[in-house]
Amino acid sequence: MVKMIRLTPDQVQHFVDVASKCDFDIDISYNRYIVDAKSFLGVYGLDFARPLKVAYNGYNSELEELLKQYAIAC
C-alpha cells in the first residue's frame, strides 16, 4: 500500500510510536530520500513542507486510522 500524507514536526513522535507497533516494514519518503518510518531521527529529518509517501505491506488498524488523519488529496 502507498499513501500520501503531510506531517508537522509536532506529529512525528506520535507517527513513529504507531509505526513502531507494526510487525511489518514501513518506509516514508519524498523524492529519492527513503527512511524507516520507525526511526524518529529519520522521519524528523525529512522536509515537512513536502508531501510524504508512506509505503508498507501489512495491516494495522491504528496505522490505517492515523494515515487517514494525515492524508492529503492526490
PDB file of N, CA and C in Angstrom:
ATOM      1  N   MET A   1       0.848  -1.177   0.000  1.00  0.00           N
ATOM      2  CA  MET A   1       0.000   0.000   0.000  1.00  0.00           C
ATOM      3  C   MET A   1       0.892   1.238   0.000  1.00  0.00           C
ATOM      4  N   VAL A   2       0.421   2.260  -0.652  1.00  0.00           N
ATOM      5  CA  VAL A   2       1.119   3.545  -0.681  1.00  0.00           C
ATOM      6  C   VAL A   2       0.111   4.642  -0.372  1.00  0.00           C
ATOM      7  N   LYS A   3       0.448   5.491   0.582  1.00  0.00           N
ATOM      8  CA  LYS A   3      -0.425   6.613   0.957  1.00  0.00           C
ATOM      9  C   LYS A   3       0.409   7.888   0.978  1.00  0.00           C
ATOM     10  N   MET A   4      -0.209   9.004   0.651  1.00  0.00           N
ATOM     11  CA  MET A   4       0.441  10.307   0.709  1.00  0.00           C
ATOM     12  C   MET A   4      -0.076  11.042   1.942  1.00  0.00           C
ATOM     13  N   ILE A   5       0.855  11.574   2.726  1.00  0.00           N
ATOM     14  CA  ILE A   5       0.485  12.272   3.962  1.00  0.00           C
ATOM     15  C   ILE A   5       1.274  13.568   4.101  1.00  0.00           C
ATOM     16  N   ARG A   6       0.854  14.388   5.042  1.00  0.00           N
ATOM     17  CA  ARG A   6       1.618  15.561   5.467  1.00  0.00           C
ATOM     18  C   ARG A   6       1.784  15.446   6.977  1.00  0.00           C
ATOM     19  N   LEU A   7       2.997  15.713   7.435  1.00  0.00           N
ATOM     20  CA  LEU A   7       3.296  15.706   8.865  1.00  0.00           C
ATOM     21  C   LEU A   7       3.845  17.060   9.278  1.00  0.00           C
ATOM     22  N   THR A   8       3.648  17.378  10.527  1.00  0.00           N
ATOM     23  CA  THR A   8       4.311  18.535  11.126  1.00  0.00           C
ATOM     24  C   THR A   8       5.333  17.984  12.118  1.00  0.00           C
ATOM     25  N   PRO A   9       6.312  18.776  12.494  1.00  0.00           N
ATOM     26  CA  PRO A   9       7.283  18.286  13.486  1.00  0.00           C
ATOM     27  C   PRO A   9       6.633  17.816  14.784  1.00  0.00           C
ATOM     28  N   ASP A  10       5.532  18.417  15.168  1.00  0.00           N
ATOM     29  CA  ASP A  10       4.836  18.016  16.395  1.00  0.00           C
ATOM     30  C   ASP A  10       4.188  16.639  16.287  1.00  0.00           C
ATOM     31  N   GLN A  11       3.889  16.182  15.086  1.00  0.00           N
ATOM     32  CA  GLN A  11       3.208  14.910  14.875  1.00  0.00           C
ATOM     33  C   GLN A  11       4.166  13.727  14.716  1.00  0.00           C
ATOM     34  N   VAL A  12       5.447  13.995  14.573  1.00  0.00           N
ATOM     35  CA  VAL A  12       6.417  12.937  14.277  1.00  0.00           C
ATOM     36  C   VAL A  12       6.452  11.871  15.371  1.00  0.00           C
ATOM     37  N   GLN A  13       6.532  12.266  16.627  1.00  0.00           N
ATOM     38  CA  GLN A  13       6.645  11.282  17.711  1.00  0.00           C
ATOM     39  C   GLN A  13       5.446  10.336  17.717  1.00  0.00           C
ATOM     40  N   HIS A  14       4.251  10.858  17.558  1.00  0.00           N
ATOM     41  CA  HIS A  14       3.057  10.007  17.542  1.00  0.00           C
ATOM     42  C   HIS A  14       3.083   9.067  16.340  1.00  0.00           C
ATOM     43  N   PHE A  15       3.456   9.583  15.170  1.00  0.00           N
ATOM     44  CA  PHE A  15       3.533   8.753  13.971  1.00  0.00           C
ATOM     45  C   PHE A  15       4.521   7.601  14.168  1.00  0.00           C
ATOM     46  N   VAL A  16       5.708   7.901  14.685  1.00  0.00           N
ATOM     47  CA  VAL A  16       6.738   6.875  14.899  1.00  0.00           C
ATOM     48  C   VAL A  16       6.278   5.866  15.955  1.00  0.00           C
ATOM     49  N   ASP A  17       5.601   6.314  17.001  1.00  0.00           N
ATOM     50  CA  ASP A  17       5.090   5.403  18.025  1.00  0.00           C
ATOM     51  C   ASP A  17       4.109   4.401  17.422  1.00  0.00           C
ATOM     52  N   VAL A  18       3.207   4.877  16.585  1.00  0.00           N
ATOM     53  CA  VAL A  18       2.228   3.986  15.951  1.00  0.00           C
ATOM     54  C   VAL A  18       2.921   3.054  14.967  1.00  0.00           C
ATOM     55  N   ALA A  19       3.829   3.578  14.156  1.00  0.00           N
ATOM     56  CA  ALA A  19       4.544   2.756  13.181  1.00  0.00           C
ATOM     57  C   ALA A  19       5.362   1.665  13.873  1.00  0.00           C
ATOM     58  N   SER A  20       5.927   1.977  15.021  1.00  0.00           N
ATOM     59  CA  SER A  20       6.768   1.016  15.745  1.00  0.00           C
ATOM     60  C   SER A  20       5.985  -0.179  16.273  1.00  0.00           C
ATOM     61  N   LYS A  21       4.699  -0.032  16.425  1.00  0.00           N
ATOM     62  CA  LYS A  21       3.860  -1.134  16.900  1.00  0.00           C
ATOM     63  C   LYS A  21       3.553  -2.144  15.797  1.00  0.00           C
ATOM     64  N   CYS A  22       3.823  -1.800  14.556  1.00  0.00           N
ATOM     65  CA  CYS A  22       3.512  -2.680  13.420  1.00  0.00           C
ATOM     66  C   CYS A  22       4.604  -3.729  13.247  1.00  0.00           C
ATOM     67  N   ASP A  23       4.206  -4.943  12.877  1.00  0.00           N
ATOM     68  CA  ASP A  23       5.168  -6.025  12.698  1.00  0.00           C
ATOM     69  C   ASP A  23       5.602  -6.182  11.239  1.00  0.00           C
ATOM     70  N   PHE A  24       5.492  -5.130  10.459  1.00  0.00           N
ATOM     71  CA  PHE A  24       5.927  -5.124   9.061  1.00  0.00           C
ATOM     72  C   PHE A  24       6.706  -3.847   8.796  1.00  0.00           C
ATOM     73  N   ASP A  25       7.468  -3.837   7.701  1.00  0.00           N
ATOM     74  CA  ASP A  25       8.285  -2.674   7.370  1.00  0.00           C
ATOM     75  C   ASP A  25       7.430  -1.536   6.823  1.00  0.00           C
ATOM     76  N   ILE A  26       7.793  -0.317   7.215  1.00  0.00           N
ATOM     77  CA  ILE A  26       7.116   0.885   6.731  1.00  0.00           C
ATOM     78  C   ILE A  26       8.196   1.870   6.318  1.00  0.00           C
ATOM     79  N   ASP A  27       8.134   2.319   5.073  1.00  0.00           N
ATOM     80  CA  ASP A  27       9.068   3.320   4.571  1.00  0.00           C
ATOM     81  C   ASP A  27       8.327   4.623   4.356  1.00  0.00           C
ATOM     82  N   ILE A  28       8.996   5.726   4.609  1.00  0.00           N
ATOM     83  CA  ILE A  28       8.426   7.036   4.352  1.00  0.00           C
ATOM     84  C   ILE A  28       9.449   7.789   3.506  1.00  0.00           C
ATOM     85  N   SER A  29       8.961   8.457   2.448  1.00  0.00           N
ATOM     86  CA  SER A  29       9.895   9.059   1.504  1.00  0.00           C
ATOM     87  C   SER A  29       9.331  10.288   0.812  1.00  0.00           C
ATOM     88  N   TYR A  30      10.234  11.043   0.210  1.00  0.00           N
ATOM     89  CA  TYR A  30       9.903  12.071  -0.765  1.00  0.00           C
ATOM     90  C   TYR A  30      11.100  12.157  -1.694  1.00  0.00           C
ATOM     91  N   ASN A  31      10.829  12.448  -2.959  1.00  0.00           N
ATOM     92  CA  ASN A  31      11.872  12.414  -3.991  1.00  0.00           C
ATOM     93  C   ASN A  31      12.643  11.103  -3.875  1.00  0.00           C
ATOM     94  N   ARG A  32      13.939  11.164  -3.698  1.00  0.00           N
ATOM     95  CA  ARG A  32      14.723   9.921  -3.611  1.00  0.00           C
ATOM     96  C   ARG A  32      15.170   9.603  -2.189  1.00  0.00           C
ATOM     97  N   TYR A  33      14.703  10.349  -1.204  1.00  0.00           N
ATOM     98  CA  TYR A  33      15.039  10.095   0.194  1.00  0.00           C
ATOM     99  C   TYR A  33      14.044   9.115   0.796  1.00  0.00           C
ATOM    100  N   ILE A  34      14.546   7.995   1.281  1.00  0.00           N
ATOM    101  CA  ILE A  34      13.698   6.965   1.882  1.00  0.00           C
ATOM    102  C   ILE A  34      14.243   6.657   3.277  1.00  0.00           C
ATOM    103  N   VAL A  35      13.366   6.690   4.268  1.00  0.00           N
ATOM    104  CA  VAL A  35      13.779   6.366   5.642  1.00  0.00           C
ATOM    105  C   VAL A  35      12.793   5.367   6.247  1.00  0.00           C
ATOM    106  N   ASP A  36      13.257   4.690   7.279  1.00  0.00           N
ATOM    107  CA  ASP A  36      12.425   3.769   8.034  1.00  0.00           C
ATOM    108  C   ASP A  36      11.454   4.599   8.879  1.00  0.00           C
ATOM    109  N   ALA A  37      10.167   4.348   8.728  1.00  0.00           N
ATOM    110  CA  ALA A  37       9.150   5.121   9.449  1.00  0.00           C
ATOM    111  C   ALA A  37       9.171   4.853  10.947  1.00  0.00           C
ATOM    112  N   LYS A  38       9.923   3.855  11.383  1.00  0.00           N
ATOM    113  CA  LYS A  38      10.016   3.550  12.810  1.00  0.00           C
ATOM    114  C   LYS A  38      11.195   4.274  13.463  1.00  0.00           C
ATOM    115  N   SER A  39      11.918   5.065  12.684  1.00  0.00           N
ATOM    116  CA  SER A  39      13.077   5.800  13.175  1.00  0.00           C
ATOM    117  C   SER A  39      12.702   7.263  13.402  1.00  0.00           C
ATOM    118  N   PHE A  40      12.709   7.692  14.672  1.00  0.00           N
ATOM    119  CA  PHE A  40      12.355   9.074  14.973  1.00  0.00           C
ATOM    120  C   PHE A  40      13.288  10.051  14.269  1.00  0.00           C
ATOM    121  N   LEU A  41      14.593   9.835  14.365  1.00  0.00           N
ATOM    122  CA  LEU A  41      15.540  10.758  13.735  1.00  0.00           C
ATOM    123  C   LEU A  41      15.414  10.753  12.221  1.00  0.00           C
ATOM    124  N   GLY A  42      15.151   9.586  11.639  1.00  0.00           N
ATOM    125  CA  GLY A  42      14.977   9.509  10.197  1.00  0.00           C
ATOM    126  C   GLY A  42      13.778  10.315   9.726  1.00  0.00           C
ATOM    127  N   VAL A  43      12.654  10.124  10.376  1.00  0.00           N
ATOM    128  CA  VAL A  43      11.428  10.834   9.998  1.00  0.00           C
ATOM    129  C   VAL A  43      11.558  12.321  10.307  1.00  0.00           C
ATOM    130  N   TYR A  44      12.140  12.644  11.452  1.00  0.00           N
ATOM    131  CA  TYR A  44      12.268  14.052  11.844  1.00  0.00           C
ATOM    132  C   TYR A  44      13.184  14.820  10.888  1.00  0.00           C
ATOM    133  N   GLY A  45      14.072  14.126  10.224  1.00  0.00           N
ATOM    134  CA  GLY A  45      14.993  14.757   9.287  1.00  0.00           C
ATOM    135  C   GLY A  45      14.394  15.047   7.917  1.00  0.00           C
ATOM    136  N   LEU A  46      13.163  14.635   7.676  1.00  0.00           N
ATOM    137  CA  LEU A  46      12.526  14.863   6.372  1.00  0.00           C
ATOM    138  C   LEU A  46      12.033  16.301   6.246  1.00  0.00           C
ATOM    139  N   ASP A  47      11.757  16.694   5.022  1.00  0.00           N
ATOM    140  CA  ASP A  47      11.250  18.038   4.733  1.00  0.00           C
ATOM    141  C   ASP A  47       9.729  18.025   4.891  1.00  0.00           C
ATOM    142  N   PHE A  48       9.220  18.672   5.935  1.00  0.00           N
ATOM    143  CA  PHE A  48       7.778  18.639   6.220  1.00  0.00           C
ATOM    144  C   PHE A  48       6.974  19.566   5.316  1.00  0.00           C
ATOM    145  N   ALA A  49       7.628  20.363   4.505  1.00  0.00           N
ATOM    146  CA  ALA A  49       6.922  21.226   3.563  1.00  0.00           C
ATOM    147  C   ALA A  49       6.439  20.425   2.357  1.00  0.00           C
ATOM    148  N   ARG A  50       6.945  19.224   2.204  1.00  0.00           N
ATOM    149  CA  ARG A  50       6.595  18.375   1.046  1.00  0.00           C
ATOM    150  C   ARG A  50       5.632  17.263   1.458  1.00  0.00           C
ATOM    151  N   PRO A  51       4.825  16.804   0.504  1.00  0.00           N
ATOM    152  CA  PRO A  51       4.011  15.608   0.789  1.00  0.00           C
ATOM    153  C   PRO A  51       4.941  14.402   0.940  1.00  0.00           C
ATOM    154  N   LEU A  52       4.626  13.535   1.858  1.00  0.00           N
ATOM    155  CA  LEU A  52       5.440  12.361   2.126  1.00  0.00           C
ATOM    156  C   LEU A  52       4.698  11.107   1.683  1.00  0.00           C
ATOM    157  N   LYS A  53       5.435  10.165   1.115  1.00  0.00           N
ATOM    158  CA  LYS A  53       4.848   8.910   0.645  1.00  0.00           C
ATOM    159  C   LYS A  53       5.165   7.816   1.660  1.00  0.00           C
ATOM    160  N   VAL A  54       4.127   7.152   2.138  1.00  0.00           N
ATOM    161  CA  VAL A  54       4.281   6.054   3.091  1.00  0.00           C
ATOM    162  C   VAL A  54       3.985   4.757   2.350  1.00  0.00           C
ATOM    163  N   ALA A  55       4.971   3.852   2.335  1.00  0.00           N
ATOM    164  CA  ALA A  55       4.820   2.568   1.640  1.00  0.00           C
ATOM    165  C   ALA A  55       4.947   1.436   2.659  1.00  0.00           C
ATOM    166  N   TYR A  56       4.031   0.476   2.596  1.00  0.00           N
ATOM    167  CA  TYR A  56       4.045  -0.643   3.546  1.00  0.00           C
ATOM    168  C   TYR A  56       3.266  -1.815   2.985  1.00  0.00           C
ATOM    169  N   ASN A  57       3.540  -3.008   3.510  1.00  0.00           N
ATOM    170  CA  ASN A  57       2.820  -4.225   3.141  1.00  0.00           C
ATOM    171  C   ASN A  57       2.379  -4.897   4.424  1.00  0.00           C
ATOM    172  N   GLY A  58       1.170  -4.644   4.813  1.00  0.00           N
ATOM    173  CA  GLY A  58       0.642  -5.202   6.045  1.00  0.00           C
ATOM    174  C   GLY A  58      -0.593  -4.417   6.450  1.00  0.00           C
ATOM    175  N   TYR A  59      -1.188  -4.833   7.558  1.00  0.00           N
ATOM    176  CA  TYR A  59      -2.378  -4.123   8.040  1.00  0.00           C
ATOM    177  C   TYR A  59      -2.299  -3.949   9.547  1.00  0.00           C
ATOM    178  N   ASN A  60      -2.564  -2.740   9.982  1.00  0.00           N
ATOM    179  CA  ASN A  60      -2.689  -2.402  11.392  1.00  0.00           C
ATOM    180  C   ASN A  60      -3.762  -1.322  11.469  1.00  0.00           C
ATOM    181  N   SER A  61      -4.818  -1.573  12.220  1.00  0.00           N
ATOM    182  CA  SER A  61      -5.947  -0.643  12.246  1.00  0.00           C
ATOM    183  C   SER A  61      -5.554   0.728  12.788  1.00  0.00           C
ATOM    184  N   GLU A  62      -4.678   0.766  13.782  1.00  0.00           N
ATOM    185  CA  GLU A  62      -4.250   2.054  14.345  1.00  0.00           C
ATOM    186  C   GLU A  62      -3.451   2.860  13.312  1.00  0.00           C
ATOM    187  N   LEU A  63      -2.596   2.180  12.550  1.00  0.00           N
ATOM    188  CA  LEU A  63      -1.829   2.854  11.496  1.00  0.00           C
ATOM    189  C   LEU A  63      -2.759   3.378  10.407  1.00  0.00           C
ATOM    190  N   GLU A  64      -3.719   2.574  10.009  1.00  0.00           N
ATOM    191  CA  GLU A  64      -4.663   2.994   8.966  1.00  0.00           C
ATOM    192  C   GLU A  64      -5.431   4.246   9.400  1.00  0.00           C
ATOM    193  N   GLU A  65      -5.857   4.275  10.650  1.00  0.00           N
ATOM    194  CA  GLU A  65      -6.598   5.428  11.164  1.00  0.00           C
ATOM    195  C   GLU A  65      -5.707   6.673  11.188  1.00  0.00           C
ATOM    196  N   LEU A  66      -4.470   6.502  11.589  1.00  0.00           N
ATOM    197  CA  LEU A  66      -3.523   7.612  11.623  1.00  0.00           C
ATOM    198  C   LEU A  66      -3.260   8.148  10.219  1.00  0.00           C
ATOM    199  N   LEU A  67      -3.080   7.249   9.260  1.00  0.00           N
ATOM    200  CA  LEU A  67      -2.825   7.680   7.884  1.00  0.00           C
ATOM    201  C   LEU A  67      -4.022   8.427   7.298  1.00  0.00           C
ATOM    202  N   LYS A  68      -5.228   8.047   7.713  1.00  0.00           N
ATOM    203  CA  LYS A  68      -6.423   8.787   7.269  1.00  0.00           C
ATOM    204  C   LYS A  68      -6.406  10.215   7.802  1.00  0.00           C
ATOM    205  N   GLN A  69      -5.966  10.388   9.045  1.00  0.00           N
ATOM    206  CA  GLN A  69      -5.917  11.713   9.644  1.00  0.00           C
ATOM    207  C   GLN A  69      -4.900  12.615   8.943  1.00  0.00           C
ATOM    208  N   TYR A  70      -3.778  12.026   8.530  1.00  0.00           N
ATOM    209  CA  TYR A  70      -2.698  12.812   7.918  1.00  0.00           C
ATOM    210  C   TYR A  70      -2.748  12.824   6.386  1.00  0.00           C
ATOM    211  N   ALA A  71      -3.751  12.183   5.810  1.00  0.00           N
ATOM    212  CA  ALA A  71      -3.823  12.042   4.349  1.00  0.00           C
ATOM    213  C   ALA A  71      -3.993  13.393   3.649  1.00  0.00           C
ATOM    214  N   ILE A  72      -3.464  13.455   2.430  1.00  0.00           N
ATOM    215  CA  ILE A  72      -3.660  14.614   1.567  1.00  0.00           C
ATOM    216  C   ILE A  72      -4.317  14.146   0.279  1.00  0.00           C
ATOM    217  N   ALA A  73      -4.985  15.050  -0.382  1.00  0.00           N
ATOM    218  CA  ALA A  73      -5.620  14.718  -1.662  1.00  0.00           C
ATOM    219  C   ALA A  73      -4.535  14.611  -2.726  1.00  0.00           C
ATOM    220  N   CYS A  74      -4.629  13.576  -3.532  1.00  0.00           N
ATOM    221  CA  CYS A  74      -3.636  13.379  -4.593  1.00  0.00           C
ATOM    222  C   CYS A  74      -4.184  13.824  -5.936  1.00  0.00           C
TER     223      CYS A  74
END
